[in-house]
PDB file of N, CA and C in Angstrom:
ATOM      1  N   UNK A   1     -38.256 -12.467 -23.122  1.00  0.00           N
ATOM      2  CA  UNK A   1     -38.345 -12.684 -21.690  1.00  0.00           C
ATOM      3  C   UNK A   1     -36.945 -12.532 -21.082  1.00  0.00           C
ATOM      4  N   UNK A   2     -36.776 -11.618 -20.143  1.00  0.00           N
ATOM      5  CA  UNK A   2     -35.466 -11.359 -19.567  1.00  0.00           C
ATOM      6  C   UNK A   2     -35.150 -12.254 -18.372  1.00  0.00           C
ATOM      7  N   UNK A   3     -36.095 -13.063 -17.928  1.00  0.00           N
ATOM      8  CA  UNK A   3     -35.871 -13.933 -16.786  1.00  0.00           C
ATOM      9  C   UNK A   3     -35.201 -15.214 -17.254  1.00  0.00           C
ATOM     10  N   UNK A   4     -34.034 -15.497 -16.671  1.00  0.00           N
ATOM     11  CA  UNK A   4     -33.322 -16.710 -17.031  1.00  0.00           C
ATOM     12  C   UNK A   4     -33.543 -17.771 -15.965  1.00  0.00           C
ATOM     13  N   UNK A   5     -33.596 -19.007 -16.388  1.00  0.00           N
ATOM     14  CA  UNK A   5     -33.673 -20.130 -15.470  1.00  0.00           C
ATOM     15  C   UNK A   5     -32.304 -20.278 -14.822  1.00  0.00           C
ATOM     16  N   UNK A   6     -32.190 -20.199 -13.459  1.00  0.00           N
ATOM     17  CA  UNK A   6     -30.885 -20.296 -12.817  1.00  0.00           C
ATOM     18  C   UNK A   6     -30.191 -21.619 -13.096  1.00  0.00           C
ATOM     19  N   UNK A   7     -30.943 -22.662 -13.411  1.00  0.00           N
ATOM     20  CA  UNK A   7     -30.330 -23.939 -13.734  1.00  0.00           C
ATOM     21  C   UNK A   7     -29.655 -23.907 -15.098  1.00  0.00           C
ATOM     22  N   UNK A   8     -30.019 -22.924 -15.935  1.00  0.00           N
ATOM     23  CA  UNK A   8     -29.436 -22.822 -17.263  1.00  0.00           C
ATOM     24  C   UNK A   8     -28.174 -21.958 -17.272  1.00  0.00           C
ATOM     25  N   UNK A   9     -27.871 -21.283 -16.167  1.00  0.00           N
ATOM     26  CA  UNK A   9     -26.677 -20.448 -16.105  1.00  0.00           C
ATOM     27  C   UNK A   9     -25.434 -21.325 -16.118  1.00  0.00           C
ATOM     28  N   UNK A  10     -24.325 -20.829 -16.639  1.00  0.00           N
ATOM     29  CA  UNK A  10     -23.144 -21.669 -16.816  1.00  0.00           C
ATOM     30  C   UNK A  10     -22.525 -22.189 -15.512  1.00  0.00           C
ATOM     31  N   UNK A  11     -22.573 -21.425 -14.434  1.00  0.00           N
ATOM     32  CA  UNK A  11     -21.873 -21.870 -13.228  1.00  0.00           C
ATOM     33  C   UNK A  11     -22.624 -21.528 -11.956  1.00  0.00           C
ATOM     34  N   UNK A  12     -23.743 -22.197 -11.668  1.00  0.00           N
ATOM     35  CA  UNK A  12     -24.416 -21.912 -10.399  1.00  0.00           C
ATOM     36  C   UNK A  12     -23.669 -22.549  -9.227  1.00  0.00           C
ATOM     37  N   UNK A  13     -23.664 -21.853  -8.108  1.00  0.00           N
ATOM     38  CA  UNK A  13     -23.089 -22.386  -6.871  1.00  0.00           C
ATOM     39  C   UNK A  13     -24.227 -23.052  -6.109  1.00  0.00           C
ATOM     40  N   UNK A  14     -24.056 -24.303  -5.736  1.00  0.00           N
ATOM     41  CA  UNK A  14     -25.119 -25.062  -5.085  1.00  0.00           C
ATOM     42  C   UNK A  14     -24.644 -25.667  -3.777  1.00  0.00           C
ATOM     43  N   UNK A  15     -25.586 -25.899  -2.882  1.00  0.00           N
ATOM     44  CA  UNK A  15     -25.318 -26.612  -1.646  1.00  0.00           C
ATOM     45  C   UNK A  15     -25.756 -28.054  -1.842  1.00  0.00           C
ATOM     46  N   UNK A  16     -24.831 -28.985  -1.639  1.00  0.00           N
ATOM     47  CA  UNK A  16     -25.140 -30.406  -1.714  1.00  0.00           C
ATOM     48  C   UNK A  16     -25.681 -30.828  -0.358  1.00  0.00           C
ATOM     49  N   UNK A  17     -26.930 -31.274  -0.303  1.00  0.00           N
ATOM     50  CA  UNK A  17     -27.562 -31.608   0.970  1.00  0.00           C
ATOM     51  C   UNK A  17     -27.053 -32.915   1.567  1.00  0.00           C
ATOM     52  N   UNK A  18     -26.334 -33.720   0.792  1.00  0.00           N
ATOM     53  CA  UNK A  18     -25.751 -34.952   1.312  1.00  0.00           C
ATOM     54  C   UNK A  18     -24.480 -34.625   2.097  1.00  0.00           C
ATOM     55  N   UNK A  19     -23.608 -33.806   1.506  1.00  0.00           N
ATOM     56  CA  UNK A  19     -22.331 -33.465   2.147  1.00  0.00           C
ATOM     57  C   UNK A  19     -22.366 -32.104   2.840  1.00  0.00           C
ATOM     58  N   UNK A  20     -23.394 -31.290   2.546  1.00  0.00           N
ATOM     59  CA  UNK A  20     -23.542 -29.917   3.049  1.00  0.00           C
ATOM     60  C   UNK A  20     -22.386 -29.014   2.598  1.00  0.00           C
ATOM     61  N   UNK A  21     -21.771 -29.335   1.490  1.00  0.00           N
ATOM     62  CA  UNK A  21     -20.702 -28.519   0.931  1.00  0.00           C
ATOM     63  C   UNK A  21     -21.230 -27.730  -0.250  1.00  0.00           C
ATOM     64  N   UNK A  22     -20.597 -26.589  -0.499  1.00  0.00           N
ATOM     65  CA  UNK A  22     -20.924 -25.781  -1.671  1.00  0.00           C
ATOM     66  C   UNK A  22     -20.076 -26.290  -2.830  1.00  0.00           C
ATOM     67  N   UNK A  23     -20.657 -26.318  -4.004  1.00  0.00           N
ATOM     68  CA  UNK A  23     -19.881 -26.671  -5.190  1.00  0.00           C
ATOM     69  C   UNK A  23     -20.425 -25.924  -6.381  1.00  0.00           C
ATOM     70  N   UNK A  24     -19.543 -25.645  -7.315  1.00  0.00           N
ATOM     71  CA  UNK A  24     -19.911 -24.965  -8.545  1.00  0.00           C
ATOM     72  C   UNK A  24     -20.180 -26.023  -9.606  1.00  0.00           C
ATOM     73  N   UNK A  25     -21.373 -25.974 -10.195  1.00  0.00           N
ATOM     74  CA  UNK A  25     -21.709 -26.903 -11.257  1.00  0.00           C
ATOM     75  C   UNK A  25     -21.189 -26.383 -12.577  1.00  0.00           C
ATOM     76  N   UNK A  26     -20.644 -27.270 -13.378  1.00  0.00           N
ATOM     77  CA  UNK A  26     -20.229 -26.896 -14.722  1.00  0.00           C
ATOM     78  C   UNK A  26     -21.472 -26.829 -15.600  1.00  0.00           C
ATOM     79  N   UNK A  27     -21.375 -26.096 -16.680  1.00  0.00           N
ATOM     80  CA  UNK A  27     -22.523 -25.912 -17.567  1.00  0.00           C
ATOM     81  C   UNK A  27     -23.074 -27.240 -18.073  1.00  0.00           C
ATOM     82  N   UNK A  28     -22.201 -28.218 -18.256  1.00  0.00           N
ATOM     83  CA  UNK A  28     -22.637 -29.487 -18.833  1.00  0.00           C
ATOM     84  C   UNK A  28     -23.285 -30.420 -17.822  1.00  0.00           C
ATOM     85  N   UNK A  29     -23.164 -30.119 -16.507  1.00  0.00           N
ATOM     86  CA  UNK A  29     -23.719 -31.009 -15.496  1.00  0.00           C
ATOM     87  C   UNK A  29     -25.184 -30.698 -15.236  1.00  0.00           C
ATOM     88  N   UNK A  30     -25.931 -31.713 -14.980  1.00  0.00           N
ATOM     89  CA  UNK A  30     -27.347 -31.552 -14.644  1.00  0.00           C
ATOM     90  C   UNK A  30     -27.467 -31.273 -13.163  1.00  0.00           C
ATOM     91  N   UNK A  31     -28.340 -30.365 -12.810  1.00  0.00           N
ATOM     92  CA  UNK A  31     -28.584 -30.022 -11.415  1.00  0.00           C
ATOM     93  C   UNK A  31     -29.157 -31.233 -10.692  1.00  0.00           C
ATOM     94  N   UNK A  32     -28.631 -31.560  -9.530  1.00  0.00           N
ATOM     95  CA  UNK A  32     -29.037 -32.729  -8.762  1.00  0.00           C
ATOM     96  C   UNK A  32     -30.207 -32.398  -7.845  1.00  0.00           C
ATOM     97  N   UNK A  33     -31.068 -33.400  -7.612  1.00  0.00           N
ATOM     98  CA  UNK A  33     -32.187 -33.196  -6.693  1.00  0.00           C
ATOM     99  C   UNK A  33     -31.715 -33.155  -5.248  1.00  0.00           C
ATOM    100  N   UNK A  34     -30.454 -33.544  -4.973  1.00  0.00           N
ATOM    101  CA  UNK A  34     -29.926 -33.498  -3.608  1.00  0.00           C
ATOM    102  C   UNK A  34     -29.165 -32.207  -3.343  1.00  0.00           C
ATOM    103  N   UNK A  35     -29.342 -31.207  -4.208  1.00  0.00           N
ATOM    104  CA  UNK A  35     -28.672 -29.927  -4.005  1.00  0.00           C
ATOM    105  C   UNK A  35     -29.625 -28.786  -4.325  1.00  0.00           C
ATOM    106  N   UNK A  36     -29.248 -27.587  -3.882  1.00  0.00           N
ATOM    107  CA  UNK A  36     -30.075 -26.404  -4.084  1.00  0.00           C
ATOM    108  C   UNK A  36     -29.179 -25.257  -4.517  1.00  0.00           C
ATOM    109  N   UNK A  37     -29.645 -24.454  -5.466  1.00  0.00           N
ATOM    110  CA  UNK A  37     -28.874 -23.308  -5.941  1.00  0.00           C
ATOM    111  C   UNK A  37     -28.706 -22.316  -4.794  1.00  0.00           C
ATOM    112  N   UNK A  38     -27.462 -21.957  -4.495  1.00  0.00           N
ATOM    113  CA  UNK A  38     -27.174 -20.950  -3.465  1.00  0.00           C
ATOM    114  C   UNK A  38     -27.172 -19.564  -4.095  1.00  0.00           C
ATOM    115  N   UNK A  39     -26.508 -19.445  -5.250  1.00  0.00           N
ATOM    116  CA  UNK A  39     -26.486 -18.180  -5.989  1.00  0.00           C
ATOM    117  C   UNK A  39     -25.939 -18.437  -7.376  1.00  0.00           C
ATOM    118  N   UNK A  40     -26.100 -17.469  -8.257  1.00  0.00           N
ATOM    119  CA  UNK A  40     -25.566 -17.580  -9.608  1.00  0.00           C
ATOM    120  C   UNK A  40     -24.078 -17.278  -9.585  1.00  0.00           C
ATOM    121  N   UNK A  41     -23.329 -17.935 -10.419  1.00  0.00           N
ATOM    122  CA  UNK A  41     -21.897 -17.744 -10.477  1.00  0.00           C
ATOM    123  C   UNK A  41     -21.166 -18.771  -9.640  1.00  0.00           C
ATOM    124  N   UNK A  42     -19.848 -18.760  -9.755  1.00  0.00           N
ATOM    125  CA  UNK A  42     -19.033 -19.737  -9.049  1.00  0.00           C
ATOM    126  C   UNK A  42     -19.066 -19.513  -7.543  1.00  0.00           C
ATOM    127  N   UNK A  43     -18.895 -20.608  -6.794  1.00  0.00           N
ATOM    128  CA  UNK A  43     -18.796 -20.510  -5.339  1.00  0.00           C
ATOM    129  C   UNK A  43     -17.507 -19.768  -4.986  1.00  0.00           C
ATOM    130  N   UNK A  44     -17.553 -18.980  -3.927  1.00  0.00           N
ATOM    131  CA  UNK A  44     -16.379 -18.221  -3.527  1.00  0.00           C
ATOM    132  C   UNK A  44     -16.369 -17.969  -2.037  1.00  0.00           C
ATOM    133  N   UNK A  45     -15.560 -17.017  -1.614  1.00  0.00           N
ATOM    134  CA  UNK A  45     -15.402 -16.706  -0.197  1.00  0.00           C
ATOM    135  C   UNK A  45     -16.684 -16.170   0.435  1.00  0.00           C
ATOM    136  N   UNK A  46     -17.593 -15.630  -0.359  1.00  0.00           N
ATOM    137  CA  UNK A  46     -18.847 -15.087   0.166  1.00  0.00           C
ATOM    138  C   UNK A  46     -20.017 -16.042  -0.047  1.00  0.00           C
ATOM    139  N   UNK A  47     -19.717 -17.315  -0.283  1.00  0.00           N
ATOM    140  CA  UNK A  47     -20.758 -18.313  -0.510  1.00  0.00           C
ATOM    141  C   UNK A  47     -21.133 -19.069   0.756  1.00  0.00           C
ATOM    142  N   UNK A  48     -20.664 -18.615   1.899  1.00  0.00           N
ATOM    143  CA  UNK A  48     -21.041 -19.300   3.136  1.00  0.00           C
ATOM    144  C   UNK A  48     -22.519 -19.089   3.410  1.00  0.00           C
ATOM    145  N   UNK A  49     -23.116 -19.992   4.155  1.00  0.00           N
ATOM    146  CA  UNK A  49     -24.531 -19.843   4.500  1.00  0.00           C
ATOM    147  C   UNK A  49     -24.783 -18.525   5.222  1.00  0.00           C
ATOM    148  N   UNK A  50     -23.854 -18.140   6.119  1.00  0.00           N
ATOM    149  CA  UNK A  50     -24.018 -16.888   6.871  1.00  0.00           C
ATOM    150  C   UNK A  50     -24.002 -15.673   5.957  1.00  0.00           C
ATOM    151  N   UNK A  51     -23.056 -15.640   4.999  1.00  0.00           N
ATOM    152  CA  UNK A  51     -22.965 -14.495   4.088  1.00  0.00           C
ATOM    153  C   UNK A  51     -24.180 -14.417   3.162  1.00  0.00           C
ATOM    154  N   UNK A  52     -24.618 -15.559   2.650  1.00  0.00           N
ATOM    155  CA  UNK A  52     -25.784 -15.563   1.765  1.00  0.00           C
ATOM    156  C   UNK A  52     -27.028 -15.140   2.530  1.00  0.00           C
ATOM    157  N   UNK A  53     -27.192 -15.636   3.751  1.00  0.00           N
ATOM    158  CA  UNK A  53     -28.346 -15.258   4.577  1.00  0.00           C
ATOM    159  C   UNK A  53     -28.321 -13.764   4.858  1.00  0.00           C
ATOM    160  N   UNK A  54     -27.139 -13.206   5.133  1.00  0.00           N
ATOM    161  CA  UNK A  54     -27.010 -11.766   5.371  1.00  0.00           C
ATOM    162  C   UNK A  54     -27.441 -10.974   4.140  1.00  0.00           C
ATOM    163  N   UNK A  55     -27.006 -11.412   2.954  1.00  0.00           N
ATOM    164  CA  UNK A  55     -27.366 -10.709   1.722  1.00  0.00           C
ATOM    165  C   UNK A  55     -28.872 -10.728   1.492  1.00  0.00           C
ATOM    166  N   UNK A  56     -29.509 -11.836   1.808  1.00  0.00           N
ATOM    167  CA  UNK A  56     -30.961 -11.929   1.645  1.00  0.00           C
ATOM    168  C   UNK A  56     -31.666 -11.043   2.673  1.00  0.00           C
ATOM    169  N   UNK A  57     -31.216 -11.135   3.917  1.00  0.00           N
ATOM    170  CA  UNK A  57     -31.871 -10.404   5.016  1.00  0.00           C
ATOM    171  C   UNK A  57     -31.719  -8.892   4.871  1.00  0.00           C
ATOM    172  N   UNK A  58     -30.602  -8.429   4.309  1.00  0.00           N
ATOM    173  CA  UNK A  58     -30.334  -6.990   4.222  1.00  0.00           C
ATOM    174  C   UNK A  58     -30.443  -6.457   2.793  1.00  0.00           C
ATOM    175  N   UNK A  59     -31.195  -7.159   1.947  1.00  0.00           N
ATOM    176  CA  UNK A  59     -31.246  -6.788   0.533  1.00  0.00           C
ATOM    177  C   UNK A  59     -31.696  -5.351   0.294  1.00  0.00           C
ATOM    178  N   UNK A  60     -32.465  -4.777   1.200  1.00  0.00           N
ATOM    179  CA  UNK A  60     -32.942  -3.409   1.009  1.00  0.00           C
ATOM    180  C   UNK A  60     -31.943  -2.347   1.456  1.00  0.00           C
ATOM    181  N   UNK A  61     -30.946  -2.727   2.242  1.00  0.00           N
ATOM    182  CA  UNK A  61     -29.985  -1.757   2.777  1.00  0.00           C
ATOM    183  C   UNK A  61     -28.532  -2.081   2.440  1.00  0.00           C
ATOM    184  N   UNK A  62     -28.276  -3.256   1.911  1.00  0.00           N
ATOM    185  CA  UNK A  62     -26.891  -3.706   1.732  1.00  0.00           C
ATOM    186  C   UNK A  62     -26.090  -2.833   0.770  1.00  0.00           C
ATOM    187  N   UNK A  63     -26.672  -2.430  -0.323  1.00  0.00           N
ATOM    188  CA  UNK A  63     -25.934  -1.593  -1.284  1.00  0.00           C
ATOM    189  C   UNK A  63     -25.459  -0.306  -0.627  1.00  0.00           C
ATOM    190  N   UNK A  64     -26.344   0.351   0.090  1.00  0.00           N
ATOM    191  CA  UNK A  64     -25.988   1.605   0.769  1.00  0.00           C
ATOM    192  C   UNK A  64     -24.908   1.359   1.830  1.00  0.00           C
ATOM    193  N   UNK A  65     -25.089   0.321   2.641  1.00  0.00           N
ATOM    194  CA  UNK A  65     -24.124   0.034   3.709  1.00  0.00           C
ATOM    195  C   UNK A  65     -22.758  -0.373   3.150  1.00  0.00           C
ATOM    196  N   UNK A  66     -22.747  -1.211   2.119  1.00  0.00           N
ATOM    197  CA  UNK A  66     -21.480  -1.652   1.531  1.00  0.00           C
ATOM    198  C   UNK A  66     -20.776  -0.498   0.812  1.00  0.00           C
ATOM    199  N   UNK A  67     -21.547   0.421   0.229  1.00  0.00           N
ATOM    200  CA  UNK A  67     -20.953   1.597  -0.415  1.00  0.00           C
ATOM    201  C   UNK A  67     -20.244   2.466   0.624  1.00  0.00           C
ATOM    202  N   UNK A  68     -20.858   2.622   1.802  1.00  0.00           N
ATOM    203  CA  UNK A  68     -20.206   3.360   2.883  1.00  0.00           C
ATOM    204  C   UNK A  68     -18.893   2.694   3.274  1.00  0.00           C
ATOM    205  N   UNK A  69     -18.896   1.368   3.324  1.00  0.00           N
ATOM    206  CA  UNK A  69     -17.669   0.637   3.668  1.00  0.00           C
ATOM    207  C   UNK A  69     -16.595   0.845   2.594  1.00  0.00           C
ATOM    208  N   UNK A  70     -17.004   0.849   1.334  1.00  0.00           N
ATOM    209  CA  UNK A  70     -16.052   1.072   0.243  1.00  0.00           C
ATOM    210  C   UNK A  70     -15.435   2.466   0.340  1.00  0.00           C
ATOM    211  N   UNK A  71     -16.259   3.449   0.675  1.00  0.00           N
ATOM    212  CA  UNK A  71     -15.740   4.816   0.841  1.00  0.00           C
ATOM    213  C   UNK A  71     -14.751   4.874   2.010  1.00  0.00           C
ATOM    214  N   UNK A  72     -15.054   4.157   3.095  1.00  0.00           N
ATOM    215  CA  UNK A  72     -14.110   4.092   4.225  1.00  0.00           C
ATOM    216  C   UNK A  72     -12.782   3.505   3.757  1.00  0.00           C
ATOM    217  N   UNK A  73     -12.878   2.496   2.892  1.00  0.00           N
ATOM    218  CA  UNK A  73     -11.665   1.883   2.362  1.00  0.00           C
ATOM    219  C   UNK A  73     -10.844   2.855   1.539  1.00  0.00           C
ATOM    220  N   UNK A  74     -11.522   3.662   0.730  1.00  0.00           N
ATOM    221  CA  UNK A  74     -10.814   4.659  -0.077  1.00  0.00           C
ATOM    222  C   UNK A  74     -10.148   5.722   0.796  1.00  0.00           C
ATOM    223  N   UNK A  75     -10.826   6.112   1.853  1.00  0.00           N
ATOM    224  CA  UNK A  75     -10.302   7.167   2.720  1.00  0.00           C
ATOM    225  C   UNK A  75      -9.286   6.672   3.742  1.00  0.00           C
ATOM    226  N   UNK A  76      -9.539   5.491   4.313  1.00  0.00           N
ATOM    227  CA  UNK A  76      -8.738   5.041   5.457  1.00  0.00           C
ATOM    228  C   UNK A  76      -8.002   3.721   5.238  1.00  0.00           C
ATOM    229  N   UNK A  77      -8.170   3.112   4.068  1.00  0.00           N
ATOM    230  CA  UNK A  77      -7.450   1.881   3.766  1.00  0.00           C
ATOM    231  C   UNK A  77      -8.313   0.627   3.859  1.00  0.00           C
ATOM    232  N   UNK A  78      -7.756  -0.457   3.307  1.00  0.00           N
ATOM    233  CA  UNK A  78      -8.479  -1.723   3.222  1.00  0.00           C
ATOM    234  C   UNK A  78      -8.930  -2.253   4.576  1.00  0.00           C
ATOM    235  N   UNK A  79      -8.076  -2.122   5.588  1.00  0.00           N
ATOM    236  CA  UNK A  79      -8.417  -2.645   6.916  1.00  0.00           C
ATOM    237  C   UNK A  79      -9.701  -1.995   7.443  1.00  0.00           C
ATOM    238  N   UNK A  80      -9.846  -0.703   7.212  1.00  0.00           N
ATOM    239  CA  UNK A  80     -11.041   0.011   7.650  1.00  0.00           C
ATOM    240  C   UNK A  80     -12.280  -0.505   6.924  1.00  0.00           C
ATOM    241  N   UNK A  81     -12.138  -0.763   5.625  1.00  0.00           N
ATOM    242  CA  UNK A  81     -13.258  -1.292   4.859  1.00  0.00           C
ATOM    243  C   UNK A  81     -13.620  -2.697   5.344  1.00  0.00           C
ATOM    244  N   UNK A  82     -12.626  -3.526   5.576  1.00  0.00           N
ATOM    245  CA  UNK A  82     -12.869  -4.893   6.026  1.00  0.00           C
ATOM    246  C   UNK A  82     -13.584  -4.912   7.376  1.00  0.00           C
ATOM    247  N   UNK A  83     -13.153  -4.056   8.302  1.00  0.00           N
ATOM    248  CA  UNK A  83     -13.812  -3.965   9.607  1.00  0.00           C
ATOM    249  C   UNK A  83     -15.260  -3.502   9.448  1.00  0.00           C
ATOM    250  N   UNK A  84     -15.489  -2.562   8.560  1.00  0.00           N
ATOM    251  CA  UNK A  84     -16.835  -2.052   8.297  1.00  0.00           C
ATOM    252  C   UNK A  84     -17.730  -3.169   7.755  1.00  0.00           C
ATOM    253  N   UNK A  85     -17.225  -3.958   6.801  1.00  0.00           N
ATOM    254  CA  UNK A  85     -18.006  -5.061   6.240  1.00  0.00           C
ATOM    255  C   UNK A  85     -18.304  -6.119   7.294  1.00  0.00           C
ATOM    256  N   UNK A  86     -17.361  -6.342   8.205  1.00  0.00           N
ATOM    257  CA  UNK A  86     -17.604  -7.296   9.289  1.00  0.00           C
ATOM    258  C   UNK A  86     -18.654  -6.751  10.256  1.00  0.00           C
ATOM    259  N   UNK A  87     -18.682  -5.432  10.430  1.00  0.00           N
ATOM    260  CA  UNK A  87     -19.702  -4.809  11.280  1.00  0.00           C
ATOM    261  C   UNK A  87     -21.095  -5.008  10.683  1.00  0.00           C
ATOM    262  N   UNK A  88     -21.190  -4.956   9.360  1.00  0.00           N
ATOM    263  CA  UNK A  88     -22.467  -5.232   8.685  1.00  0.00           C
ATOM    264  C   UNK A  88     -22.890  -6.671   8.979  1.00  0.00           C
ATOM    265  N   UNK A  89     -21.892  -7.563   9.077  1.00  0.00           N
ATOM    266  CA  UNK A  89     -22.194  -8.962   9.376  1.00  0.00           C
ATOM    267  C   UNK A  89     -21.528  -9.969   8.472  1.00  0.00           C
ATOM    268  N   UNK A  90     -20.736  -9.507   7.497  1.00  0.00           N
ATOM    269  CA  UNK A  90     -20.038 -10.441   6.625  1.00  0.00           C
ATOM    270  C   UNK A  90     -18.966 -11.197   7.389  1.00  0.00           C
ATOM    271  N   UNK A  91     -18.720 -12.435   6.972  1.00  0.00           N
ATOM    272  CA  UNK A  91     -17.650 -13.230   7.595  1.00  0.00           C
ATOM    273  C   UNK A  91     -16.298 -12.608   7.261  1.00  0.00           C
ATOM    274  N   UNK A  92     -15.297 -12.946   8.031  1.00  0.00           N
ATOM    275  CA  UNK A  92     -13.968 -12.371   7.782  1.00  0.00           C
ATOM    276  C   UNK A  92     -13.435 -12.790   6.428  1.00  0.00           C
ATOM    277  N   UNK A  93     -13.733 -14.012   5.975  1.00  0.00           N
ATOM    278  CA  UNK A  93     -13.285 -14.456   4.663  1.00  0.00           C
ATOM    279  C   UNK A  93     -13.895 -13.657   3.532  1.00  0.00           C
ATOM    280  N   UNK A  94     -15.128 -13.262   3.684  1.00  0.00           N
ATOM    281  CA  UNK A  94     -15.830 -12.503   2.658  1.00  0.00           C
ATOM    282  C   UNK A  94     -15.428 -11.040   2.662  1.00  0.00           C
ATOM    283  N   UNK A  95     -15.106 -10.512   3.827  1.00  0.00           N
ATOM    284  CA  UNK A  95     -14.855  -9.078   3.924  1.00  0.00           C
ATOM    285  C   UNK A  95     -13.428  -8.665   3.559  1.00  0.00           C
ATOM    286  N   UNK A  96     -12.549  -9.613   3.293  1.00  0.00           N
ATOM    287  CA  UNK A  96     -11.181  -9.275   2.879  1.00  0.00           C
ATOM    288  C   UNK A  96     -11.243  -8.658   1.487  1.00  0.00           C
ATOM    289  N   UNK A  97     -10.628  -7.496   1.334  1.00  0.00           N
ATOM    290  CA  UNK A  97     -10.772  -6.726   0.101  1.00  0.00           C
ATOM    291  C   UNK A  97     -10.313  -7.495  -1.146  1.00  0.00           C
ATOM    292  N   UNK A  98      -9.349  -8.388  -1.017  1.00  0.00           N
ATOM    293  CA  UNK A  98      -8.893  -9.141  -2.181  1.00  0.00           C
ATOM    294  C   UNK A  98      -9.926 -10.162  -2.646  1.00  0.00           C
ATOM    295  N   UNK A  99     -10.946 -10.440  -1.829  1.00  0.00           N
ATOM    296  CA  UNK A  99     -11.984 -11.391  -2.191  1.00  0.00           C
ATOM    297  C   UNK A  99     -13.200 -10.723  -2.809  1.00  0.00           C
ATOM    298  N   UNK A 100     -13.236  -9.404  -2.831  1.00  0.00           N
ATOM    299  CA  UNK A 100     -14.415  -8.694  -3.319  1.00  0.00           C
ATOM    300  C   UNK A 100     -14.364  -8.529  -4.813  1.00  0.00           C
TER     301      UNK A 100
END
């Protein structure tokens, strides 16, 4: 079976509903009933609610759109790519090339 339980992954990023903050759970910690998995892997600059919602909402077009932004970055520089990613809807923190 290739489907993994997200709670069994080593570092899920979760939203704590008490504090409304994102936190990365260590592999040894048990998932709390007061939190919800935001995504697999450690929390980062693209773990904001807005960025995650954008990724879900644009799941059918995001790869194509982000690839266009990457090509803009190769041709015209990082600033051009960052502006393109912000046009898609990513937050400024997520669209900075050093965070990708």
